Protein backbone atom coordinates (compact mmCIF):
# COMPACT_ATOMS: atom_id res chain seq x y z
CA MET A 1 1.38 -102.19 -14.07
CA THR A 2 2.99 -98.77 -13.50
CA SER A 3 4.28 -98.22 -9.97
CA PRO A 4 2.63 -95.29 -8.19
CA VAL A 5 4.33 -92.10 -7.03
CA ILE A 6 3.80 -90.32 -3.75
CA LEU A 7 3.05 -86.61 -3.53
CA LEU A 8 4.11 -85.40 -0.07
CA LEU A 9 2.16 -82.26 0.83
CA ARG A 10 3.08 -79.91 3.67
CA ARG A 11 2.49 -76.24 2.99
CA GLU A 12 1.34 -76.42 -0.61
CA LEU A 13 -2.29 -77.42 -0.05
CA ARG A 14 -3.52 -76.54 -3.54
CA LEU A 15 -3.87 -77.90 -7.05
CA ALA A 16 -3.00 -74.83 -9.12
CA ASP A 17 0.61 -73.66 -9.57
CA ASN A 18 1.89 -76.64 -7.62
CA PRO A 19 5.06 -77.89 -9.38
CA ALA A 20 5.31 -80.95 -7.14
CA LEU A 21 1.79 -82.06 -8.03
CA LEU A 22 2.27 -81.33 -11.73
CA ALA A 23 5.53 -83.32 -11.80
CA ALA A 24 3.83 -86.28 -10.12
CA VAL A 25 0.97 -86.18 -12.63
CA ALA A 26 3.37 -85.78 -15.57
CA SER A 27 5.08 -89.03 -14.59
CA GLY A 28 2.05 -90.87 -15.96
CA ALA A 29 1.92 -93.03 -12.83
CA PRO A 30 -0.90 -93.26 -10.30
CA VAL A 31 -0.48 -90.48 -7.72
CA LEU A 32 -0.99 -90.84 -3.99
CA PRO A 33 -1.27 -87.41 -2.31
CA VAL A 34 -0.21 -87.66 1.34
CA PHE A 35 -0.24 -85.23 4.25
CA VAL A 36 1.75 -86.26 7.31
CA LEU A 37 1.03 -84.51 10.60
CA ASP A 38 4.56 -84.44 12.00
CA ASP A 39 4.66 -83.29 15.60
CA ALA A 40 7.37 -85.77 16.47
CA SER A 41 10.47 -84.82 14.47
CA PRO A 42 13.30 -83.30 16.54
CA GLY A 43 12.92 -79.55 16.82
CA ALA A 44 9.50 -79.55 15.15
CA TRP A 45 7.46 -76.40 15.61
CA GLN A 46 4.05 -77.91 16.13
CA ALA A 47 1.30 -75.83 14.56
CA GLY A 48 -0.43 -73.65 17.14
CA GLY A 49 -4.08 -73.83 18.05
CA ALA A 50 -5.36 -71.37 15.43
CA SER A 51 -3.21 -72.91 12.70
CA ARG A 52 -4.45 -76.39 13.56
CA TRP A 53 -8.04 -75.19 13.21
CA TRP A 54 -7.14 -73.79 9.79
CA LEU A 55 -5.32 -76.97 8.80
CA HIS A 56 -8.36 -79.11 9.58
CA HIS A 57 -10.56 -77.12 7.24
CA SER A 58 -7.87 -76.73 4.59
CA LEU A 59 -7.32 -80.49 4.45
CA THR A 60 -11.07 -81.03 4.22
CA SER A 61 -11.20 -78.67 1.24
CA LEU A 62 -8.12 -80.22 -0.39
CA ALA A 63 -9.50 -83.74 -0.06
CA THR A 64 -12.68 -82.65 -1.85
CA ASP A 65 -10.72 -80.95 -4.65
CA LEU A 66 -8.48 -83.98 -5.14
CA ALA A 67 -11.44 -86.36 -5.18
CA ALA A 68 -13.06 -84.28 -7.92
CA CYS A 69 -9.93 -84.90 -10.01
CA GLY A 70 -9.78 -88.61 -9.26
CA ALA A 71 -7.24 -88.78 -6.41
CA THR A 72 -7.60 -89.65 -2.73
CA LEU A 73 -5.82 -87.71 0.01
CA VAL A 74 -4.17 -90.01 2.55
CA LEU A 75 -3.48 -88.78 6.07
CA ARG A 76 -0.80 -90.21 8.33
CA ARG A 77 0.57 -89.02 11.65
CA GLY A 78 4.16 -89.37 12.80
CA PRO A 79 7.68 -88.39 11.70
CA ILE A 80 7.78 -87.71 7.97
CA ASP A 81 11.01 -89.65 7.59
CA VAL A 82 9.28 -92.71 9.06
CA GLU A 83 5.80 -92.49 7.56
CA ILE A 84 6.78 -91.82 3.94
CA PRO A 85 9.27 -94.72 3.65
CA ARG A 86 6.60 -96.90 5.24
CA LEU A 87 4.10 -95.82 2.60
CA VAL A 88 6.64 -96.36 -0.20
CA ALA A 89 7.04 -99.96 0.89
CA GLU A 90 3.31 -100.37 1.46
CA ILE A 91 2.23 -99.38 -2.06
CA GLY A 92 5.43 -100.14 -3.99
CA ALA A 93 5.98 -96.51 -4.99
CA ASP A 94 8.99 -95.75 -7.16
CA ALA A 95 9.28 -91.98 -6.54
CA VAL A 96 8.36 -89.24 -4.08
CA HIS A 97 7.66 -85.62 -5.03
CA ALA A 98 7.51 -82.89 -2.40
CA GLY A 99 7.61 -79.12 -1.89
CA MET A 100 10.77 -77.55 -0.55
CA PRO A 101 10.65 -76.82 3.20
CA THR A 102 12.26 -73.68 4.59
CA GLU A 103 11.99 -74.35 8.33
CA PRO A 104 15.25 -75.71 9.80
CA TRP A 105 13.64 -78.71 11.47
CA ALA A 106 11.75 -79.62 8.32
CA ARG A 107 14.87 -79.31 6.17
CA GLU A 108 16.68 -81.69 8.52
CA THR A 109 13.70 -84.05 8.43
CA TYR A 110 13.87 -84.11 4.62
CA HIS A 111 17.60 -84.92 4.79
CA ARG A 112 16.73 -87.92 6.95
CA LEU A 113 13.86 -88.80 4.62
CA ARG A 114 16.16 -88.82 1.60
CA ALA A 115 18.58 -91.11 3.44
CA ALA A 116 15.77 -93.44 4.52
CA LEU A 117 14.16 -93.79 1.08
CA THR A 118 15.05 -96.47 -1.42
CA VAL A 119 13.48 -94.41 -4.23
CA LYS A 120 14.19 -90.94 -5.57
CA LEU A 121 12.93 -87.88 -3.66
CA THR A 122 12.45 -84.81 -5.89
CA VAL A 123 11.93 -81.53 -4.07
CA HIS A 124 10.24 -78.67 -5.93
CA GLU A 125 9.98 -74.97 -5.13
CA THR A 126 6.32 -74.51 -4.28
CA SER A 127 6.06 -71.76 -1.67
CA LEU A 128 8.38 -68.93 -2.73
CA LEU A 129 9.02 -66.87 -5.82
CA PHE A 130 12.72 -67.73 -5.74
CA HIS A 131 14.88 -70.38 -4.13
CA PRO A 132 16.64 -68.77 -1.14
CA ASP A 133 20.04 -69.49 -2.66
CA ARG A 134 19.14 -67.70 -5.89
CA ILE A 135 18.97 -64.11 -4.59
CA LYS A 136 22.52 -63.20 -3.60
CA THR A 137 24.71 -60.11 -3.53
CA GLN A 138 27.36 -59.56 -6.19
CA ALA A 139 29.81 -61.03 -3.69
CA GLY A 140 27.72 -64.20 -3.55
CA THR A 141 26.48 -63.67 0.00
CA ALA A 142 22.98 -63.46 1.40
CA TYR A 143 21.29 -60.10 1.77
CA GLY A 144 20.82 -58.67 5.26
CA VAL A 145 18.95 -55.51 4.23
CA PHE A 146 15.53 -55.58 2.65
CA THR A 147 15.72 -52.78 0.07
CA PRO A 148 18.65 -54.18 -1.96
CA PHE A 149 17.17 -57.65 -1.57
CA SER A 150 13.89 -56.47 -3.06
CA ARG A 151 15.71 -54.76 -5.93
CA ALA A 152 17.54 -58.01 -6.67
CA CYS A 153 14.21 -59.85 -6.72
CA LEU A 154 12.61 -57.28 -9.02
CA ALA A 155 15.53 -57.70 -11.42
CA GLN A 156 14.29 -61.30 -11.90
CA PHE A 157 10.86 -60.12 -13.09
CA PRO A 158 8.77 -60.78 -15.11
CA LEU A 159 7.82 -64.03 -13.49
CA ALA A 160 6.78 -67.12 -15.37
CA PRO A 161 2.99 -67.48 -15.44
CA PRO A 162 1.46 -69.77 -12.80
CA LEU A 163 0.81 -73.39 -13.69
CA ARG A 164 -2.74 -74.56 -14.24
CA ALA A 165 -4.29 -77.19 -12.01
CA PRO A 166 -4.53 -80.65 -13.57
CA ALA A 167 -7.99 -81.52 -14.81
CA ARG A 168 -7.50 -85.19 -13.99
CA ILE A 169 -5.24 -87.10 -11.59
CA ALA A 170 -4.81 -90.83 -11.86
CA GLY A 171 -5.24 -91.81 -8.24
CA GLN A 172 -3.97 -94.71 -6.15
CA ASN A 173 -6.83 -96.26 -4.24
CA GLY A 174 -7.16 -98.68 -1.35
CA VAL A 175 -4.57 -97.10 0.94
CA ARG A 176 -5.28 -96.77 4.64
CA SER A 177 -5.73 -93.22 5.87
CA ASP A 178 -6.21 -91.70 9.29
CA ALA A 179 -9.57 -90.03 9.90
CA LEU A 180 -9.08 -86.28 10.05
CA ASP A 181 -11.46 -85.93 13.00
CA ASP A 182 -9.26 -88.30 15.01
CA TRP A 183 -6.44 -85.74 14.87
CA ASN A 184 -8.50 -83.36 17.06
CA LEU A 185 -7.17 -80.28 15.30
CA CYS A 186 -10.29 -78.26 16.13
CA PRO A 187 -11.02 -77.04 19.67
CA THR A 188 -13.80 -78.80 21.52
CA ALA A 189 -14.35 -77.70 25.11
CA PRO A 190 -14.29 -74.78 25.11
CA ASP A 191 -14.74 -74.18 21.38
CA TRP A 192 -13.18 -70.78 20.79
CA SER A 193 -13.30 -71.00 16.98
CA ALA A 194 -16.60 -69.20 16.27
CA GLY A 195 -14.83 -65.96 15.40
CA LEU A 196 -12.41 -67.78 13.11
CA GLN A 197 -15.28 -69.51 11.31
CA ALA A 198 -17.01 -66.17 10.78
CA ALA A 199 -13.87 -64.47 9.45
CA TRP A 200 -12.27 -67.07 7.19
CA SER A 201 -12.85 -69.66 4.47
CA PRO A 202 -9.84 -72.02 4.49
CA GLY A 203 -8.95 -73.88 1.33
CA GLU A 204 -7.91 -73.14 -2.23
CA ALA A 205 -11.36 -71.91 -3.23
CA GLY A 206 -11.39 -69.56 -0.26
CA ALA A 207 -7.96 -68.25 -1.26
CA ILE A 208 -9.09 -67.52 -4.82
CA ALA A 209 -12.26 -65.85 -3.56
CA ARG A 210 -10.24 -63.68 -1.20
CA LEU A 211 -7.86 -62.69 -4.01
CA THR A 212 -10.80 -61.87 -6.27
CA ASP A 213 -12.32 -59.62 -3.60
CA PHE A 214 -8.99 -57.88 -3.06
CA LEU A 215 -8.56 -57.20 -6.76
CA ALA A 216 -12.09 -55.80 -6.96
CA ASP A 217 -12.18 -53.73 -3.79
CA GLY A 218 -8.79 -53.46 -2.12
CA VAL A 219 -5.78 -53.23 -4.37
CA ALA A 220 -6.54 -49.73 -5.70
CA GLY A 221 -6.42 -48.23 -2.22
CA TYR A 222 -3.80 -50.58 -0.77
CA ALA A 223 -0.95 -48.08 -0.37
CA ALA A 224 -3.21 -45.50 1.28
CA GLN A 225 -5.37 -47.79 3.41
CA ARG A 226 -3.08 -50.66 4.45
CA ASP A 227 -2.17 -48.86 7.69
CA VAL A 228 -5.77 -48.07 8.70
CA PRO A 229 -6.96 -50.94 10.90
CA ALA A 230 -10.66 -49.98 10.83
CA VAL A 231 -10.96 -50.61 7.08
CA ASP A 232 -10.44 -53.75 5.05
CA GLY A 233 -7.40 -52.29 3.34
CA THR A 234 -5.08 -55.30 3.27
CA SER A 235 -5.30 -58.44 1.17
CA ARG A 236 -5.85 -60.85 4.10
CA LEU A 237 -4.19 -63.51 1.97
CA SER A 238 -1.53 -64.30 4.57
CA PRO A 239 -3.13 -67.46 6.05
CA HIS A 240 -3.81 -68.81 2.58
CA LEU A 241 -0.15 -68.21 1.73
CA ALA A 242 0.99 -69.74 5.01
CA TRP A 243 -0.62 -73.07 4.14
CA GLY A 244 0.10 -72.81 0.43
CA GLU A 245 -3.54 -72.64 -0.69
CA ILE A 246 -2.35 -70.03 -3.16
CA SER A 247 1.13 -69.20 -4.41
CA PRO A 248 2.81 -65.78 -4.40
CA ARG A 249 3.24 -66.14 -8.15
CA GLN A 250 -0.51 -66.56 -8.60
CA ILE A 251 -1.13 -63.43 -6.55
CA LEU A 252 1.37 -61.22 -8.37
CA HIS A 253 0.22 -62.51 -11.75
CA ALA A 254 -3.37 -61.61 -10.85
CA VAL A 255 -2.40 -58.14 -9.62
CA GLY A 256 -0.62 -57.59 -12.93
CA ASP A 257 0.36 -54.02 -13.78
CA HIS A 258 -2.16 -52.33 -11.53
CA PRO A 259 -1.04 -48.78 -10.66
CA ALA A 260 -1.07 -49.67 -6.95
CA ARG A 261 1.11 -52.73 -7.54
CA ALA A 262 4.46 -51.43 -6.21
CA LYS A 263 3.65 -51.30 -2.50
CA PHE A 264 1.85 -54.61 -2.56
CA VAL A 265 4.74 -56.30 -4.38
CA SER A 266 7.07 -54.92 -1.72
CA GLU A 267 5.04 -56.66 0.99
CA VAL A 268 5.13 -59.95 -0.91
CA LEU A 269 8.90 -59.59 -1.22
CA TRP A 270 9.19 -59.01 2.54
CA ARG A 271 7.79 -62.54 2.88
CA GLU A 272 10.59 -63.75 0.60
CA PHE A 273 13.14 -61.80 2.65
CA ALA A 274 11.97 -63.42 5.88
CA ALA A 275 12.23 -66.88 4.31
CA ASN A 276 15.76 -66.09 3.15
CA LEU A 277 16.73 -64.97 6.64
CA LEU A 278 15.46 -68.22 8.14
CA TRP A 279 17.24 -70.20 5.42
CA GLN A 280 20.55 -68.52 6.24
CA HIS A 281 20.06 -68.25 10.02
CA GLN A 282 18.47 -71.43 11.31
CA ASP A 283 18.37 -70.13 14.89
CA LEU A 284 16.30 -67.09 13.86
CA PRO A 285 13.20 -68.10 15.91
CA ALA A 286 15.18 -68.20 19.17
CA THR A 287 18.36 -66.16 18.88
CA PRO A 288 18.78 -62.47 18.01
CA LEU A 289 20.72 -61.85 14.83
CA ARG A 290 22.48 -59.03 16.62
CA ARG A 291 24.13 -61.19 19.22
CA GLU A 292 24.70 -58.36 21.68
CA PHE A 293 20.96 -58.46 22.40
CA THR A 294 21.42 -61.80 24.16
CA ALA A 295 22.61 -59.72 27.13
CA MET A 296 19.43 -57.60 27.23
CA ASN A 297 18.09 -57.18 30.78
CA TRP A 298 14.57 -58.48 30.26
CA ARG A 299 11.89 -58.54 32.98
CA ASP A 300 9.91 -61.53 34.21
CA ASP A 301 6.52 -59.80 34.26
CA ARG A 302 3.91 -62.52 34.28
CA ALA A 303 1.05 -60.20 35.21
CA GLY A 304 1.98 -57.82 32.41
CA LEU A 305 2.22 -60.68 29.93
CA ARG A 306 -1.17 -61.99 30.94
CA ALA A 307 -2.74 -58.54 30.58
CA TRP A 308 -1.19 -58.19 27.13
CA GLN A 309 -2.39 -61.63 26.01
CA ARG A 310 -5.94 -60.92 27.18
CA GLY A 311 -6.14 -57.38 25.81
CA GLN A 312 -6.42 -55.88 29.28
CA THR A 313 -3.42 -53.53 29.37
CA GLY A 314 -5.50 -50.36 29.58
CA ILE A 315 -3.89 -49.16 26.34
CA PRO A 316 -6.78 -49.18 23.82
CA LEU A 317 -4.96 -49.79 20.52
CA VAL A 318 -2.90 -52.61 22.03
CA ASP A 319 -5.95 -54.18 23.62
CA ALA A 320 -8.01 -53.89 20.44
CA GLY A 321 -5.30 -55.70 18.49
CA MET A 322 -4.88 -58.48 21.03
CA ARG A 323 -8.63 -59.03 21.19
CA GLN A 324 -8.89 -59.04 17.39
CA LEU A 325 -6.19 -61.70 17.41
CA TRP A 326 -8.04 -63.84 19.94
CA GLN A 327 -11.40 -63.48 18.22
CA THR A 328 -10.35 -63.88 14.58
CA GLY A 329 -6.87 -65.46 14.62
CA TRP A 330 -5.48 -62.42 12.82
CA MET A 331 -4.34 -58.91 13.63
CA HIS A 332 -3.89 -55.88 11.42
CA ASN A 333 -0.22 -55.42 10.51
CA ARG A 334 0.10 -51.85 11.84
CA VAL A 335 -1.38 -52.96 15.15
CA ARG A 336 0.89 -56.02 15.25
CA MET A 337 3.88 -53.69 15.27
CA VAL A 338 2.39 -51.52 18.00
CA ALA A 339 1.37 -54.47 20.19
CA ALA A 340 4.78 -56.12 19.75
CA SER A 341 6.62 -52.90 20.55
CA PHE A 342 4.55 -52.43 23.71
CA LEU A 343 5.39 -55.93 24.95
CA ILE A 344 9.09 -55.73 24.12
CA LYS A 345 9.84 -52.13 25.03
CA HIS A 346 7.26 -50.77 27.43
CA LEU A 347 7.02 -54.03 29.38
CA LEU A 348 10.58 -55.28 28.67
CA ILE A 349 9.31 -58.82 28.06
CA PRO A 350 11.49 -60.92 25.69
CA TRP A 351 10.42 -60.89 22.07
CA GLN A 352 10.53 -64.69 21.99
CA VAL A 353 7.58 -64.75 24.43
CA GLY A 354 5.47 -62.63 22.10
CA GLU A 355 6.61 -64.68 19.12
CA ALA A 356 5.39 -67.85 20.84
CA TRP A 357 1.99 -66.29 21.60
CA PHE A 358 1.54 -65.18 18.00
CA TRP A 359 2.60 -68.63 16.82
CA ASP A 360 -0.21 -70.20 18.83
CA THR A 361 -2.95 -67.68 18.06
CA LEU A 362 -2.38 -66.59 14.43
CA VAL A 363 -4.07 -68.44 11.59
CA ASP A 364 -1.29 -67.10 9.35
CA ALA A 365 1.54 -68.26 11.63
CA ASP A 366 4.66 -68.64 9.50
CA LEU A 367 7.93 -69.45 11.23
CA ALA A 368 10.10 -67.20 9.07
CA GLN A 369 7.78 -64.20 9.06
CA ASN A 370 6.94 -64.51 12.74
CA ALA A 371 10.57 -64.67 13.82
CA ALA A 372 11.85 -62.02 11.41
CA SER A 373 9.06 -59.58 12.27
CA TRP A 374 9.46 -59.92 16.03
CA GLN A 375 13.20 -59.44 15.69
CA TRP A 376 12.56 -56.40 13.50
CA VAL A 377 10.41 -54.75 16.15
CA ALA A 378 12.87 -55.73 18.89
CA GLY A 379 15.71 -54.02 17.03
CA CYS A 380 17.84 -57.16 17.05
CA GLY A 381 17.11 -58.56 13.60
CA ALA A 382 18.06 -57.89 10.01
CA ASP A 383 17.33 -54.38 8.76
CA ALA A 384 15.53 -53.90 12.06
CA ALA A 385 13.83 -50.86 13.50
CA PRO A 386 16.26 -49.31 15.99
CA TYR A 387 15.58 -50.39 19.55
CA PHE A 388 15.20 -46.75 20.55
CA ARG A 389 12.29 -46.36 18.08
CA ILE A 390 9.46 -47.00 20.49
CA PHE A 391 5.90 -46.82 19.21
CA ASN A 392 3.60 -44.68 21.35
CA PRO A 393 0.30 -46.61 21.17
CA ALA A 394 -1.80 -43.52 21.94
CA LEU A 395 -0.20 -41.48 19.15
CA GLN A 396 -0.37 -44.42 16.75
CA GLY A 397 -4.06 -44.76 17.53
CA ALA A 398 -4.73 -41.07 17.00
CA ARG A 399 -2.93 -41.20 13.66
CA PHE A 400 -4.26 -44.42 12.17
CA ASP A 401 -7.60 -44.80 14.00
CA PRO A 402 -8.54 -41.14 14.52
CA ASP A 403 -12.23 -41.68 15.24
CA GLY A 404 -11.58 -44.84 17.27
CA ALA A 405 -13.64 -47.08 14.96
CA TYR A 406 -11.19 -49.96 15.30
CA VAL A 407 -10.85 -49.61 19.06
CA ARG A 408 -14.62 -49.33 19.56
CA ARG A 409 -15.15 -52.52 17.57
CA PHE A 410 -12.87 -54.69 19.66
CA VAL A 411 -12.97 -52.82 22.98
CA PRO A 412 -16.70 -52.21 23.44
CA GLU A 413 -16.07 -50.75 26.91
CA LEU A 414 -14.95 -47.63 25.03
CA ALA A 415 -17.85 -47.52 22.56
CA ASP A 416 -19.24 -44.29 24.03
CA MET A 417 -15.92 -42.59 24.69
CA ALA A 418 -15.40 -39.20 23.06
CA ASP A 419 -13.06 -39.31 20.06
CA ARG A 420 -10.43 -37.18 21.77
CA PHE A 421 -10.17 -39.66 24.65
CA VAL A 422 -10.76 -42.99 22.90
CA HIS A 423 -7.01 -43.71 22.76
CA THR A 424 -6.29 -42.14 26.17
CA PRO A 425 -9.34 -42.95 28.31
CA TRP A 426 -7.32 -42.43 31.50
CA LEU A 427 -7.26 -38.70 30.65
CA ALA A 428 -11.04 -38.44 30.31
CA PRO A 429 -12.96 -36.52 33.04
CA ASN A 430 -14.85 -39.73 33.78
CA PRO A 431 -12.73 -42.75 32.83
CA PRO A 432 -14.79 -45.89 32.17
CA ARG A 433 -15.13 -48.09 35.23
CA ASN A 434 -15.29 -51.33 33.28
CA TYR A 435 -11.99 -50.78 31.46
CA PRO A 436 -8.64 -51.15 33.24
CA ALA A 437 -6.26 -48.30 33.94
CA PRO A 438 -2.96 -48.54 32.04
CA ILE A 439 -0.66 -51.19 33.50
CA ILE A 440 2.26 -48.85 32.84
CA ASP A 441 2.71 -45.15 32.22
CA LEU A 442 3.74 -44.83 28.58
CA ALA A 443 6.40 -42.20 29.24
CA ALA A 444 7.86 -44.16 32.16
CA GLY A 445 7.89 -47.35 30.12
CA ARG A 446 9.71 -45.59 27.30
CA ASP A 447 12.32 -44.19 29.69
CA ARG A 448 12.88 -47.63 31.23
CA ALA A 449 13.33 -49.20 27.79
CA LEU A 450 15.84 -46.57 26.74
CA ALA A 451 17.75 -47.08 29.98
CA ALA A 452 17.89 -50.82 29.35
CA PHE A 453 19.17 -50.17 25.83
CA ALA A 454 21.79 -47.78 27.17
CA ASP A 455 22.96 -50.45 29.63
CA LEU A 456 23.15 -52.94 26.75
CA LYS A 457 25.28 -50.59 24.66
CA GLN A 458 27.54 -49.84 27.61
CA GLY A 459 28.02 -53.53 28.30
CA ALA A 460 28.90 -54.16 24.65
CA ALA A 461 31.42 -51.30 24.57
């Protein structure tokens, strides 16, 4: 009898274009797909609340898809480097296939896993277009600026076509599995997930449906509409990518040679860039790449942080974004930049605090993208926006949400506000009584941020 092989799944929760799955099936042996909920490994970034909700539904969908092909998804909870060797011994497996992790703690966990196994562990690239060590400068070093990095990636095009999902998987039956409901990934009391359920369809089928809708309705206007938060101008594929329900290669192959392709490809390559940064700088989620920013004179403003988290800052575009995040687990990218800039610069609250909040509340939380993007806004990361570039939320609102449609949707207190005051209600003749006054004057906050930056530069001189 042929010994089975284990397919370790983490962030490649799909059947199509999954090299690890295809390699396991090609072995000709029975395949045991396994997902291990690892909240115990040293340094593990436990999935936040919104991501755990998504994971529950994604695993439900994956289990159904695998069963239709003849395989059974097994769930285990604990350190990966403990649970997988235990399963190898339990079923007599002679090989383990897995996707390549990019997070530092997961990479270290896989090193321990390899040392603990008595069988071969084969790691496949399943989440990125290119292995992080593949895209290098002519000097053989990693890129620190996005534009030349993206050019180097484009030089590797065209990409190989995505791999088809297997029609049949010889499964390994009779293996004990945890019950998904016992993991308590979904909120109970209070259940805050109604908005997430209305907005999203986790799983591989949901990812394909979302891509299909984007190709039909969104890609043509992507470059022009991606910065307009009131319209559905972005792909909204980010949470599906975060959990690997679809691959970037599948997406780019589907977009093909569409005339609007260039800007969209650039955004996909930013995801690659962030992953490369995390690969090269394992302290990216906690430590500024520009080390002089460790001396930044941040403020401990708990009231300001709470107002920002709740969407009660009195700054409409910021509040609309933070409420969209809380209701749907997602925020429009333009508004993410504005909300992050307001926290970091107007309130002088450390970027790591905002990063942690996004990690807990985003359904598309991705360690590399979250860290790289917050550092970009803070001015301390790779190819970052200068610290002295401070978004004015009122001007950003007037430019990208001119009639206030986005703000009115998520801040209903301003539904009847005249267009000219919807982003500056404190200037209206009769400011709304049920909406807070700004927690900080925008001009004063800007001046304070610039003064802090000047002090930082002087201290580094």
